[in-house]
PDB file of N, CA and C in Angstrom:
ATOM      1  N   THR A   1      17.035  68.615  73.351  1.00  0.00           N
ATOM      2  CA  THR A   1      18.150  67.861  72.793  1.00  0.00           C
ATOM      3  C   THR A   1      17.952  67.567  71.318  1.00  0.00           C
ATOM      4  N   GLY A   2      16.774  67.841  70.792  1.00  0.00           N
ATOM      5  CA  GLY A   2      16.508  67.545  69.396  1.00  0.00           C
ATOM      6  C   GLY A   2      16.287  66.073  69.139  1.00  0.00           C
ATOM      7  N   ALA A   3      16.029  65.311  70.193  1.00  0.00           N
ATOM      8  CA  ALA A   3      15.849  63.868  70.055  1.00  0.00           C
ATOM      9  C   ALA A   3      14.370  63.529  69.938  1.00  0.00           C
ATOM     10  N   THR A   4      14.093  62.465  69.203  1.00  0.00           N
ATOM     11  CA  THR A   4      12.748  61.931  69.077  1.00  0.00           C
ATOM     12  C   THR A   4      12.752  60.554  69.710  1.00  0.00           C
ATOM     13  N   GLU A   5      11.717  60.238  70.502  1.00  0.00           N
ATOM     14  CA  GLU A   5      11.659  58.942  71.181  1.00  0.00           C
ATOM     15  C   GLU A   5      10.399  58.185  70.814  1.00  0.00           C
ATOM     16  N   LYS A   6      10.523  56.868  70.788  1.00  0.00           N
ATOM     17  CA  LYS A   6       9.394  55.955  70.602  1.00  0.00           C
ATOM     18  C   LYS A   6       9.544  54.834  71.614  1.00  0.00           C
ATOM     19  N   GLN A   7       8.454  54.462  72.252  1.00  0.00           N
ATOM     20  CA  GLN A   7       8.469  53.335  73.179  1.00  0.00           C
ATOM     21  C   GLN A   7       7.759  52.151  72.551  1.00  0.00           C
ATOM     22  N   PHE A   8       8.251  50.957  72.863  1.00  0.00           N
ATOM     23  CA  PHE A   8       7.697  49.740  72.284  1.00  0.00           C
ATOM     24  C   PHE A   8       8.095  48.556  73.149  1.00  0.00           C
ATOM     25  N   GLY A   9       7.454  47.437  72.919  1.00  0.00           N
ATOM     26  CA  GLY A   9       7.790  46.217  73.639  1.00  0.00           C
ATOM     27  C   GLY A   9       8.843  45.432  72.883  1.00  0.00           C
ATOM     28  N   ALA A  10       9.795  44.858  73.626  1.00  0.00           N
ATOM     29  CA  ALA A  10      10.854  44.070  72.999  1.00  0.00           C
ATOM     30  C   ALA A  10      11.197  42.886  73.892  1.00  0.00           C
ATOM     31  N   LYS A  11      11.392  41.743  73.253  1.00  0.00           N
ATOM     32  CA  LYS A  11      11.782  40.540  73.988  1.00  0.00           C
ATOM     33  C   LYS A  11      13.295  40.539  74.171  1.00  0.00           C
ATOM     34  N   LEU A  12      13.742  40.275  75.405  1.00  0.00           N
ATOM     35  CA  LEU A  12      15.160  40.178  75.695  1.00  0.00           C
ATOM     36  C   LEU A  12      15.666  38.818  75.215  1.00  0.00           C
ATOM     37  N   ILE A  13      16.571  38.814  74.248  1.00  0.00           N
ATOM     38  CA  ILE A  13      17.109  37.586  73.671  1.00  0.00           C
ATOM     39  C   ILE A  13      18.385  37.157  74.398  1.00  0.00           C
ATOM     40  N   SER A  14      19.264  38.118  74.663  1.00  0.00           N
ATOM     41  CA  SER A  14      20.494  37.828  75.407  1.00  0.00           C
ATOM     42  C   SER A  14      20.984  39.115  76.041  1.00  0.00           C
ATOM     43  N   ILE A  15      21.798  38.966  77.100  1.00  0.00           N
ATOM     44  CA  ILE A  15      22.352  40.139  77.785  1.00  0.00           C
ATOM     45  C   ILE A  15      23.724  39.769  78.340  1.00  0.00           C
ATOM     46  N   ALA A  16      24.637  40.719  78.279  1.00  0.00           N
ATOM     47  CA  ALA A  16      25.989  40.508  78.793  1.00  0.00           C
ATOM     48  C   ALA A  16      25.945  40.295  80.304  1.00  0.00           C
ATOM     49  N   THR A  17      26.879  39.524  80.810  1.00  0.00           N
ATOM     50  CA  THR A  17      26.953  39.310  82.264  1.00  0.00           C
ATOM     51  C   THR A  17      27.909  40.299  82.917  1.00  0.00           C
ATOM     52  N   ASP A  18      28.781  40.881  82.115  1.00  0.00           N
ATOM     53  CA  ASP A  18      29.726  41.873  82.635  1.00  0.00           C
ATOM     54  C   ASP A  18      29.378  43.241  82.062  1.00  0.00           C
ATOM     55  N   PRO A  19      29.342  44.263  82.920  1.00  0.00           N
ATOM     56  CA  PRO A  19      28.965  45.595  82.435  1.00  0.00           C
ATOM     57  C   PRO A  19      30.096  46.281  81.681  1.00  0.00           C
ATOM     58  N   MET A  20      29.701  47.219  80.857  1.00  0.00           N
ATOM     59  CA  MET A  20      30.625  48.157  80.227  1.00  0.00           C
ATOM     60  C   MET A  20      30.410  49.488  80.947  1.00  0.00           C
ATOM     61  N   THR A  21      31.305  50.436  80.735  1.00  0.00           N
ATOM     62  CA  THR A  21      31.196  51.724  81.413  1.00  0.00           C
ATOM     63  C   THR A  21      31.024  52.841  80.397  1.00  0.00           C
ATOM     64  N   ASN A  22      30.008  53.677  80.617  1.00  0.00           N
ATOM     65  CA  ASN A  22      29.791  54.842  79.775  1.00  0.00           C
ATOM     66  C   ASN A  22      30.965  55.791  79.996  1.00  0.00           C
ATOM     67  N   GLN A  23      31.655  56.134  78.926  1.00  0.00           N
ATOM     68  CA  GLN A  23      32.857  56.964  79.029  1.00  0.00           C
ATOM     69  C   GLN A  23      32.554  58.390  79.485  1.00  0.00           C
ATOM     70  N   THR A  24      31.339  58.858  79.248  1.00  0.00           N
ATOM     71  CA  THR A  24      30.971  60.219  79.628  1.00  0.00           C
ATOM     72  C   THR A  24      30.508  60.298  81.071  1.00  0.00           C
ATOM     73  N   THR A  25      29.621  59.364  81.461  1.00  0.00           N
ATOM     74  CA  THR A  25      29.024  59.430  82.799  1.00  0.00           C
ATOM     75  C   THR A  25      29.709  58.537  83.823  1.00  0.00           C
ATOM     76  N   GLY A  26      30.462  57.550  83.336  1.00  0.00           N
ATOM     77  CA  GLY A  26      31.096  56.604  84.251  1.00  0.00           C
ATOM     78  C   GLY A  26      30.144  55.550  84.788  1.00  0.00           C
ATOM     79  N   LYS A  27      28.899  55.550  84.303  1.00  0.00           N
ATOM     80  CA  LYS A  27      27.893  54.612  84.803  1.00  0.00           C
ATOM     81  C   LYS A  27      27.911  53.318  83.989  1.00  0.00           C
ATOM     82  N   PRO A  28      27.576  52.204  84.648  1.00  0.00           N
ATOM     83  CA  PRO A  28      27.590  50.909  83.957  1.00  0.00           C
ATOM     84  C   PRO A  28      26.352  50.691  83.090  1.00  0.00           C
ATOM     85  N   TYR A  29      26.557  49.909  82.029  1.00  0.00           N
ATOM     86  CA  TYR A  29      25.448  49.461  81.195  1.00  0.00           C
ATOM     87  C   TYR A  29      25.792  48.080  80.650  1.00  0.00           C
ATOM     88  N   TYR A  30      24.771  47.363  80.221  1.00  0.00           N
ATOM     89  CA  TYR A  30      24.928  46.003  79.724  1.00  0.00           C
ATOM     90  C   TYR A  30      24.411  45.921  78.292  1.00  0.00           C
ATOM     91  N   PRO A  31      25.266  45.576  77.346  1.00  0.00           N
ATOM     92  CA  PRO A  31      24.783  45.367  75.982  1.00  0.00           C
ATOM     93  C   PRO A  31      23.841  44.160  75.941  1.00  0.00           C
ATOM     94  N   CYS A  32      22.864  44.219  75.078  1.00  0.00           N
ATOM     95  CA  CYS A  32      21.922  43.108  74.961  1.00  0.00           C
ATOM     96  C   CYS A  32      21.405  43.012  73.532  1.00  0.00           C
ATOM     97  N   THR A  33      20.738  41.912  73.259  1.00  0.00           N
ATOM     98  CA  THR A  33      20.054  41.727  71.983  1.00  0.00           C
ATOM     99  C   THR A  33      18.573  41.640  72.279  1.00  0.00           C
ATOM    100  N   ILE A  34      17.778  42.375  71.511  1.00  0.00           N
ATOM    101  CA  ILE A  34      16.330  42.373  71.682  1.00  0.00           C
ATOM    102  C   ILE A  34      15.664  41.961  70.373  1.00  0.00           C
ATOM    103  N   GLU A  35      14.430  41.498  70.508  1.00  0.00           N
ATOM    104  CA  GLU A  35      13.631  41.132  69.340  1.00  0.00           C
ATOM    105  C   GLU A  35      12.315  41.882  69.420  1.00  0.00           C
ATOM    106  N   PHE A  36      11.889  42.441  68.281  1.00  0.00           N
ATOM    107  CA  PHE A  36      10.641  43.200  68.253  1.00  0.00           C
ATOM    108  C   PHE A  36      10.101  43.251  66.832  1.00  0.00           C
ATOM    109  N   VAL A  37       8.871  43.696  66.708  1.00  0.00           N
ATOM    110  CA  VAL A  37       8.254  43.878  65.396  1.00  0.00           C
ATOM    111  C   VAL A  37       8.504  45.321  64.973  1.00  0.00           C
ATOM    112  N   ASN A  38       9.181  45.493  63.831  1.00  0.00           N
ATOM    113  CA  ASN A  38       9.534  46.844  63.401  1.00  0.00           C
ATOM    114  C   ASN A  38       8.369  47.521  62.661  1.00  0.00           C
ATOM    115  N   ALA A  39       8.611  48.723  62.189  1.00  0.00           N
ATOM    116  CA  ALA A  39       7.565  49.515  61.523  1.00  0.00           C
ATOM    117  C   ALA A  39       7.074  48.873  60.233  1.00  0.00           C
ATOM    118  N   ASN A  40       7.834  47.921  59.680  1.00  0.00           N
ATOM    119  CA  ASN A  40       7.435  47.207  58.461  1.00  0.00           C
ATOM    120  C   ASN A  40       6.793  45.861  58.774  1.00  0.00           C
ATOM    121  N   SER A  41       6.400  45.673  60.041  1.00  0.00           N
ATOM    122  CA  SER A  41       5.768  44.435  60.527  1.00  0.00           C
ATOM    123  C   SER A  41       6.675  43.215  60.400  1.00  0.00           C
ATOM    124  N   GLN A  42       7.980  43.442  60.441  1.00  0.00           N
ATOM    125  CA  GLN A  42       8.945  42.353  60.407  1.00  0.00           C
ATOM    126  C   GLN A  42       9.503  42.118  61.802  1.00  0.00           C
ATOM    127  N   ILE A  43       9.725  40.853  62.160  1.00  0.00           N
ATOM    128  CA  ILE A  43      10.377  40.529  63.428  1.00  0.00           C
ATOM    129  C   ILE A  43      11.876  40.660  63.205  1.00  0.00           C
ATOM    130  N   VAL A  44      12.508  41.525  63.997  1.00  0.00           N
ATOM    131  CA  VAL A  44      13.938  41.789  63.851  1.00  0.00           C
ATOM    132  C   VAL A  44      14.634  41.659  65.201  1.00  0.00           C
ATOM    133  N   GLN A  45      15.928  41.380  65.155  1.00  0.00           N
ATOM    134  CA  GLN A  45      16.764  41.380  66.348  1.00  0.00           C
ATOM    135  C   GLN A  45      17.792  42.487  66.198  1.00  0.00           C
ATOM    136  N   LYS A  46      17.916  43.293  67.234  1.00  0.00           N
ATOM    137  CA  LYS A  46      18.840  44.430  67.217  1.00  0.00           C
ATOM    138  C   LYS A  46      19.573  44.526  68.548  1.00  0.00           C
ATOM    139  N   THR A  47      20.656  45.274  68.543  1.00  0.00           N
ATOM    140  CA  THR A  47      21.429  45.511  69.756  1.00  0.00           C
ATOM    141  C   THR A  47      20.819  46.682  70.522  1.00  0.00           C
ATOM    142  N   ALA A  48      20.840  46.574  71.835  1.00  0.00           N
ATOM    143  CA  ALA A  48      20.354  47.643  72.705  1.00  0.00           C
ATOM    144  C   ALA A  48      21.235  47.648  73.954  1.00  0.00           C
ATOM    145  N   ILE A  49      20.911  48.509  74.897  1.00  0.00           N
ATOM    146  CA  ILE A  49      21.619  48.503  76.172  1.00  0.00           C
ATOM    147  C   ILE A  49      20.615  48.495  77.320  1.00  0.00           C
ATOM    148  N   VAL A  50      21.067  47.986  78.450  1.00  0.00           N
ATOM    149  CA  VAL A  50      20.315  48.042  79.701  1.00  0.00           C
ATOM    150  C   VAL A  50      21.185  48.817  80.678  1.00  0.00           C
ATOM    151  N   TYR A  51      20.660  49.913  81.201  1.00  0.00           N
ATOM    152  CA  TYR A  51      21.422  50.680  82.187  1.00  0.00           C
ATOM    153  C   TYR A  51      21.592  49.862  83.458  1.00  0.00           C
ATOM    154  N   GLY A  52      22.700  50.081  84.150  1.00  0.00           N
ATOM    155  CA  GLY A  52      23.036  49.303  85.336  1.00  0.00           C
ATOM    156  C   GLY A  52      21.938  49.245  86.384  1.00  0.00           C
ATOM    157  N   LYS A  53      21.286  50.373  86.653  1.00  0.00           N
ATOM    158  CA  LYS A  53      20.228  50.384  87.673  1.00  0.00           C
ATOM    159  C   LYS A  53      19.044  49.515  87.257  1.00  0.00           C
ATOM    160  N   ASN A  54      18.730  49.480  85.951  1.00  0.00           N
ATOM    161  CA  ASN A  54      17.660  48.595  85.479  1.00  0.00           C
ATOM    162  C   ASN A  54      18.087  47.138  85.606  1.00  0.00           C
ATOM    163  N   TYR A  55      19.328  46.851  85.263  1.00  0.00           N
ATOM    164  CA  TYR A  55      19.858  45.489  85.350  1.00  0.00           C
ATOM    165  C   TYR A  55      19.774  44.966  86.787  1.00  0.00           C
ATOM    166  N   ASP A  56      20.022  45.857  87.748  1.00  0.00           N
ATOM    167  CA  ASP A  56      20.018  45.469  89.164  1.00  0.00           C
ATOM    168  C   ASP A  56      18.659  44.951  89.634  1.00  0.00           C
ATOM    169  N   TYR A  57      17.581  45.317  88.952  1.00  0.00           N
ATOM    170  CA  TYR A  57      16.257  44.813  89.312  1.00  0.00           C
ATOM    171  C   TYR A  57      16.103  43.341  88.947  1.00  0.00           C
ATOM    172  N   GLY A  58      16.951  42.879  88.043  1.00  0.00           N
ATOM    173  CA  GLY A  58      16.865  41.494  87.575  1.00  0.00           C
ATOM    174  C   GLY A  58      16.039  41.441  86.300  1.00  0.00           C
ATOM    175  N   MET A  59      16.610  40.851  85.283  1.00  0.00           N
ATOM    176  CA  MET A  59      15.927  40.746  83.993  1.00  0.00           C
ATOM    177  C   MET A  59      16.094  39.326  83.484  1.00  0.00           C
ATOM    178  N   GLU A  60      15.046  38.812  82.862  1.00  0.00           N
ATOM    179  CA  GLU A  60      15.052  37.435  82.387  1.00  0.00           C
ATOM    180  C   GLU A  60      15.029  37.383  80.865  1.00  0.00           C
ATOM    181  N   VAL A  61      15.939  36.582  80.310  1.00  0.00           N
ATOM    182  CA  VAL A  61      15.935  36.338  78.876  1.00  0.00           C
ATOM    183  C   VAL A  61      14.601  35.686  78.521  1.00  0.00           C
ATOM    184  N   GLY A  62      13.997  36.125  77.427  1.00  0.00           N
ATOM    185  CA  GLY A  62      12.714  35.580  76.980  1.00  0.00           C
ATOM    186  C   GLY A  62      11.518  36.410  77.399  1.00  0.00           C
ATOM    187  N   LYS A  63      11.690  37.318  78.361  1.00  0.00           N
ATOM    188  CA  LYS A  63      10.592  38.186  78.791  1.00  0.00           C
ATOM    189  C   LYS A  63      10.541  39.431  77.918  1.00  0.00           C
ATOM    190  N   GLU A  64       9.363  40.030  77.865  1.00  0.00           N
ATOM    191  CA  GLU A  64       9.179  41.252  77.085  1.00  0.00           C
ATOM    192  C   GLU A  64       9.220  42.457  78.015  1.00  0.00           C
ATOM    193  N   TYR A  65      10.027  43.440  77.636  1.00  0.00           N
ATOM    194  CA  TYR A  65      10.236  44.642  78.441  1.00  0.00           C
ATOM    195  C   TYR A  65       9.934  45.893  77.615  1.00  0.00           C
ATOM    196  N   MET A  66       9.787  46.994  78.318  1.00  0.00           N
ATOM    197  CA  MET A  66       9.590  48.292  77.671  1.00  0.00           C
ATOM    198  C   MET A  66      10.923  48.764  77.114  1.00  0.00           C
ATOM    199  N   ALA A  67      10.930  49.127  75.854  1.00  0.00           N
ATOM    200  CA  ALA A  67      12.136  49.641  75.201  1.00  0.00           C
ATOM    201  C   ALA A  67      11.859  51.060  74.716  1.00  0.00           C
ATOM    202  N   THR A  68      12.919  51.843  74.635  1.00  0.00           N
ATOM    203  CA  THR A  68      12.810  53.197  74.106  1.00  0.00           C
ATOM    204  C   THR A  68      13.867  53.377  73.026  1.00  0.00           C
ATOM    205  N   ALA A  69      13.414  53.757  71.848  1.00  0.00           N
ATOM    206  CA  ALA A  69      14.321  54.090  70.750  1.00  0.00           C
ATOM    207  C   ALA A  69      14.418  55.608  70.705  1.00  0.00           C
ATOM    208  N   GLN A  70      15.624  56.108  70.712  1.00  0.00           N
ATOM    209  CA  GLN A  70      15.850  57.548  70.696  1.00  0.00           C
ATOM    210  C   GLN A  70      16.662  57.894  69.454  1.00  0.00           C
ATOM    211  N   LYS A  71      16.098  58.728  68.603  1.00  0.00           N
ATOM    212  CA  LYS A  71      16.785  59.171  67.390  1.00  0.00           C
ATOM    213  C   LYS A  71      17.480  60.493  67.682  1.00  0.00           C
ATOM    214  N   VAL A  72      18.794  60.492  67.513  1.00  0.00           N
ATOM    215  CA  VAL A  72      19.599  61.691  67.698  1.00  0.00           C
ATOM    216  C   VAL A  72      20.356  61.902  66.400  1.00  0.00           C
ATOM    217  N   GLU A  73      19.984  62.968  65.695  1.00  0.00           N
ATOM    218  CA  GLU A  73      20.512  63.234  64.359  1.00  0.00           C
ATOM    219  C   GLU A  73      20.246  62.008  63.478  1.00  0.00           C
ATOM    220  N   ASP A  74      21.283  61.352  62.963  1.00  0.00           N
ATOM    221  CA  ASP A  74      21.073  60.204  62.071  1.00  0.00           C
ATOM    222  C   ASP A  74      21.229  58.861  62.765  1.00  0.00           C
ATOM    223  N   ARG A  75      21.402  58.860  64.071  1.00  0.00           N
ATOM    224  CA  ARG A  75      21.615  57.601  64.804  1.00  0.00           C
ATOM    225  C   ARG A  75      20.413  57.279  65.674  1.00  0.00           C
ATOM    226  N   VAL A  76      20.210  55.991  65.914  1.00  0.00           N
ATOM    227  CA  VAL A  76      19.141  55.538  66.797  1.00  0.00           C
ATOM    228  C   VAL A  76      19.767  54.730  67.927  1.00  0.00           C
ATOM    229  N   TYR A  77      19.445  55.097  69.149  1.00  0.00           N
ATOM    230  CA  TYR A  77      19.924  54.403  70.342  1.00  0.00           C
ATOM    231  C   TYR A  77      18.723  53.745  71.006  1.00  0.00           C
ATOM    232  N   VAL A  78      18.875  52.491  71.391  1.00  0.00           N
ATOM    233  CA  VAL A  78      17.771  51.767  72.033  1.00  0.00           C
ATOM    234  C   VAL A  78      18.221  51.318  73.404  1.00  0.00           C
ATOM    235  N   HIS A  79      17.411  51.629  74.403  1.00  0.00           N
ATOM    236  CA  HIS A  79      17.685  51.097  75.740  1.00  0.00           C
ATOM    237  C   HIS A  79      16.443  50.363  76.242  1.00  0.00           C
ATOM    238  N   LEU A  80      16.706  49.353  77.031  1.00  0.00           N
ATOM    239  CA  LEU A  80      15.662  48.472  77.543  1.00  0.00           C
ATOM    240  C   LEU A  80      15.468  48.741  79.026  1.00  0.00           C
ATOM    241  N   SER A  81      14.236  48.898  79.442  1.00  0.00           N
ATOM    242  CA  SER A  81      13.890  49.122  80.840  1.00  0.00           C
ATOM    243  C   SER A  81      13.726  47.790  81.557  1.00  0.00           C
ATOM    244  N   HIS A  82      13.721  47.833  82.879  1.00  0.00           N
ATOM    245  CA  HIS A  82      13.407  46.638  83.675  1.00  0.00           C
ATOM    246  C   HIS A  82      11.896  46.437  83.780  1.00  0.00           C
ATOM    247  N   LEU A  83      11.116  47.408  83.328  1.00  0.00           N
ATOM    248  CA  LEU A  83       9.660  47.317  83.415  1.00  0.00           C
ATOM    249  C   LEU A  83       9.130  46.388  82.332  1.00  0.00           C
ATOM    250  N   THR A  84       8.305  45.443  82.727  1.00  0.00           N
ATOM    251  CA  THR A  84       7.744  44.529  81.738  1.00  0.00           C
ATOM    252  C   THR A  84       6.755  45.272  80.865  1.00  0.00           C
ATOM    253  N   PHE A  85       6.658  44.844  79.627  1.00  0.00           N
ATOM    254  CA  PHE A  85       5.792  45.504  78.657  1.00  0.00           C
ATOM    255  C   PHE A  85       4.446  44.803  78.621  1.00  0.00           C
ATOM    256  N   VAL A  86       3.406  45.582  78.726  1.00  0.00           N
ATOM    257  CA  VAL A  86       2.055  45.067  78.523  1.00  0.00           C
ATOM    258  C   VAL A  86       1.447  45.868  77.392  1.00  0.00           C
ATOM    259  N   ASN A  87       0.547  45.260  76.698  1.00  0.00           N
ATOM    260  CA  ASN A  87      -0.084  45.932  75.572  1.00  0.00           C
ATOM    261  C   ASN A  87      -1.073  46.946  76.122  1.00  0.00           C
ATOM    262  N   GLY A  88      -0.577  48.122  76.445  1.00  0.00           N
ATOM    263  CA  GLY A  88      -1.384  49.146  77.085  1.00  0.00           C
ATOM    264  C   GLY A  88      -2.302  49.878  76.129  1.00  0.00           C
ATOM    265  N   ALA A  89      -3.074  50.750  76.692  1.00  0.00           N
ATOM    266  CA  ALA A  89      -4.018  51.550  75.919  1.00  0.00           C
ATOM    267  C   ALA A  89      -3.274  52.512  74.998  1.00  0.00           C
ATOM    268  N   THR A  90      -3.888  52.801  73.866  1.00  0.00           N
ATOM    269  CA  THR A  90      -3.352  53.788  72.930  1.00  0.00           C
ATOM    270  C   THR A  90      -4.426  54.841  72.681  1.00  0.00           C
ATOM    271  N   ALA A  91      -4.069  55.911  72.016  1.00  0.00           N
ATOM    272  CA  ALA A  91      -5.031  56.970  71.709  1.00  0.00           C
ATOM    273  C   ALA A  91      -6.170  56.440  70.849  1.00  0.00           C
ATOM    274  N   ASP A  92      -5.904  55.391  70.046  1.00  0.00           N
ATOM    275  CA  ASP A  92      -6.949  54.805  69.208  1.00  0.00           C
ATOM    276  C   ASP A  92      -8.057  54.140  70.024  1.00  0.00           C
ATOM    277  N   ASP A  93      -7.770  53.823  71.294  1.00  0.00           N
ATOM    278  CA  ASP A  93      -8.764  53.189  72.149  1.00  0.00           C
ATOM    279  C   ASP A  93      -9.788  54.185  72.701  1.00  0.00           C
ATOM    280  N   PHE A  94      -9.542  55.463  72.506  1.00  0.00           N
ATOM    281  CA  PHE A  94     -10.405  56.498  73.082  1.00  0.00           C
ATOM    282  C   PHE A  94     -10.752  57.541  72.032  1.00  0.00           C
ATOM    283  N   ASP A  95     -11.875  58.176  72.238  1.00  0.00           N
ATOM    284  CA  ASP A  95     -12.283  59.250  71.348  1.00  0.00           C
ATOM    285  C   ASP A  95     -11.933  60.574  72.026  1.00  0.00           C
ATOM    286  N   PHE A  96     -10.665  60.947  71.922  1.00  0.00           N
ATOM    287  CA  PHE A  96     -10.210  62.165  72.571  1.00  0.00           C
ATOM    288  C   PHE A  96     -10.750  63.418  71.889  1.00  0.00           C
ATOM    289  N   ASP A  97     -11.302  63.270  70.688  1.00  0.00           N
ATOM    290  CA  ASP A  97     -11.859  64.417  69.989  1.00  0.00           C
ATOM    291  C   ASP A  97     -13.261  64.763  70.473  1.00  0.00           C
ATOM    292  N   ALA A  98     -13.910  63.813  71.162  1.00  0.00           N
ATOM    293  CA  ALA A  98     -15.264  64.063  71.663  1.00  0.00           C
ATOM    294  C   ALA A  98     -15.189  65.085  72.794  1.00  0.00           C
ATOM    295  N   GLU A  99     -16.173  65.976  72.801  1.00  0.00           N
ATOM    296  CA  GLU A  99     -16.204  66.979  73.850  1.00  0.00           C
ATOM    297  C   GLU A  99     -16.946  66.415  75.049  1.00  0.00           C
ATOM    298  N   VAL A 100     -16.243  66.289  76.159  1.00  0.00           N
ATOM    299  CA  VAL A 100     -16.811  65.741  77.382  1.00  0.00           C
ATOM    300  C   VAL A 100     -16.433  66.667  78.524  1.00  0.00           C
ATOM    301  N   ASP A 101     -17.384  66.919  79.375  1.00  0.00           N
ATOM    302  CA  ASP A 101     -17.110  67.712  80.569  1.00  0.00           C
ATOM    303  C   ASP A 101     -16.531  66.742  81.599  1.00  0.00           C
ATOM    304  N   ALA A 102     -15.217  66.565  81.583  1.00  0.00           N
ATOM    305  CA  ALA A 102     -14.550  65.567  82.417  1.00  0.00           C
ATOM    306  C   ALA A 102     -14.872  65.713  83.904  1.00  0.00           C
ATOM    307  N   PRO A 103     -14.841  66.923  84.500  1.00  0.00           N
ATOM    308  CA  PRO A 103     -15.176  67.016  85.928  1.00  0.00           C
ATOM    309  C   PRO A 103     -16.603  66.547  86.220  1.00  0.00           C
ATOM    310  N   ALA A 104     -17.558  66.858  85.341  1.00  0.00           N
ATOM    311  CA  ALA A 104     -18.943  66.438  85.569  1.00  0.00           C
ATOM    312  C   ALA A 104     -19.057  64.921  85.476  1.00  0.00           C
ATOM    313  N   VAL A 105     -18.376  64.306  84.530  1.00  0.00           N
ATOM    314  CA  VAL A 105     -18.391  62.849  84.394  1.00  0.00           C
ATOM    315  C   VAL A 105     -17.776  62.221  85.626  1.00  0.00           C
ATOM    316  N   ARG A 106     -16.666  62.740  86.105  1.00  0.00           N
ATOM    317  CA  ARG A 106     -15.982  62.200  87.280  1.00  0.00           C
ATOM    318  C   ARG A 106     -16.864  62.323  88.515  1.00  0.00           C
ATOM    319  N   GLU A 107     -17.555  63.461  88.676  1.00  0.00           N
ATOM    320  CA  GLU A 107     -18.444  63.635  89.826  1.00  0.00           C
ATOM    321  C   GLU A 107     -19.547  62.584  89.810  1.00  0.00           C
ATOM    322  N   LYS A 108     -20.087  62.299  88.631  1.00  0.00           N
ATOM    323  CA  LYS A 108     -21.151  61.293  88.497  1.00  0.00           C
ATOM    324  C   LYS A 108     -20.602  59.917  88.884  1.00  0.00           C
ATOM    325  N   GLU A 109     -19.388  59.586  88.425  1.00  0.00           N
ATOM    326  CA  GLU A 109     -18.790  58.295  88.760  1.00  0.00           C
ATOM    327  C   GLU A 109     -18.580  58.176  90.262  1.00  0.00           C
ATOM    328  N   LEU A 110     -18.079  59.236  90.887  1.00  0.00           N
ATOM    329  CA  LEU A 110     -17.820  59.217  92.327  1.00  0.00           C
ATOM    330  C   LEU A 110     -19.118  59.098  93.110  1.00  0.00           C
ATOM    331  N   ALA A 111     -20.185  59.739  92.644  1.00  0.00           N
ATOM    332  CA  ALA A 111     -21.477  59.687  93.325  1.00  0.00           C
ATOM    333  C   ALA A 111     -22.022  58.269  93.380  1.00  0.00           C
ATOM    334  N   GLU A 112     -21.700  57.457  92.356  1.00  0.00           N
ATOM    335  CA  GLU A 112     -22.180  56.078  92.323  1.00  0.00           C
ATOM    336  C   GLU A 112     -21.540  55.220  93.410  1.00  0.00           C
ATOM    337  N   PHE A 113     -20.385  55.625  93.927  1.00  0.00           N
ATOM    338  CA  PHE A 113     -19.693  54.842  94.942  1.00  0.00           C
ATOM    339  C   PHE A 113     -20.094  55.238  96.360  1.00  0.00           C
ATOM    340  N   LYS A 114     -20.853  56.295  96.496  1.00  0.00           N
ATOM    341  CA  LYS A 114     -21.251  56.764  97.835  1.00  0.00           C
ATOM    342  C   LYS A 114     -22.467  56.018  98.332  1.00  0.00           C
TER     343      LYS A 114
END
């Protein structure tokens, strides 16, 4: 599709109670406002959407959720998942450049549990 995506954590500030309908797919979505730290380390509030199926799981204002920003040509679309965001591991947490025989390491780990 030529789209670029980035995932990040965003706090749900507000969300519509009535859904809108995607004109192409006919599926419901809920406009919302999210807050996050942008690439310039500034706290910003922006508009996003929550797809109907995510909304059905239940979402709470003030909680932090996984967001995905998708760049399509010159526009950026942001949608918010129902999955809560945790500060997960990044590539910087590991030395992926180190040469490790992964199967041998795994066998050693498994042997310790026997």
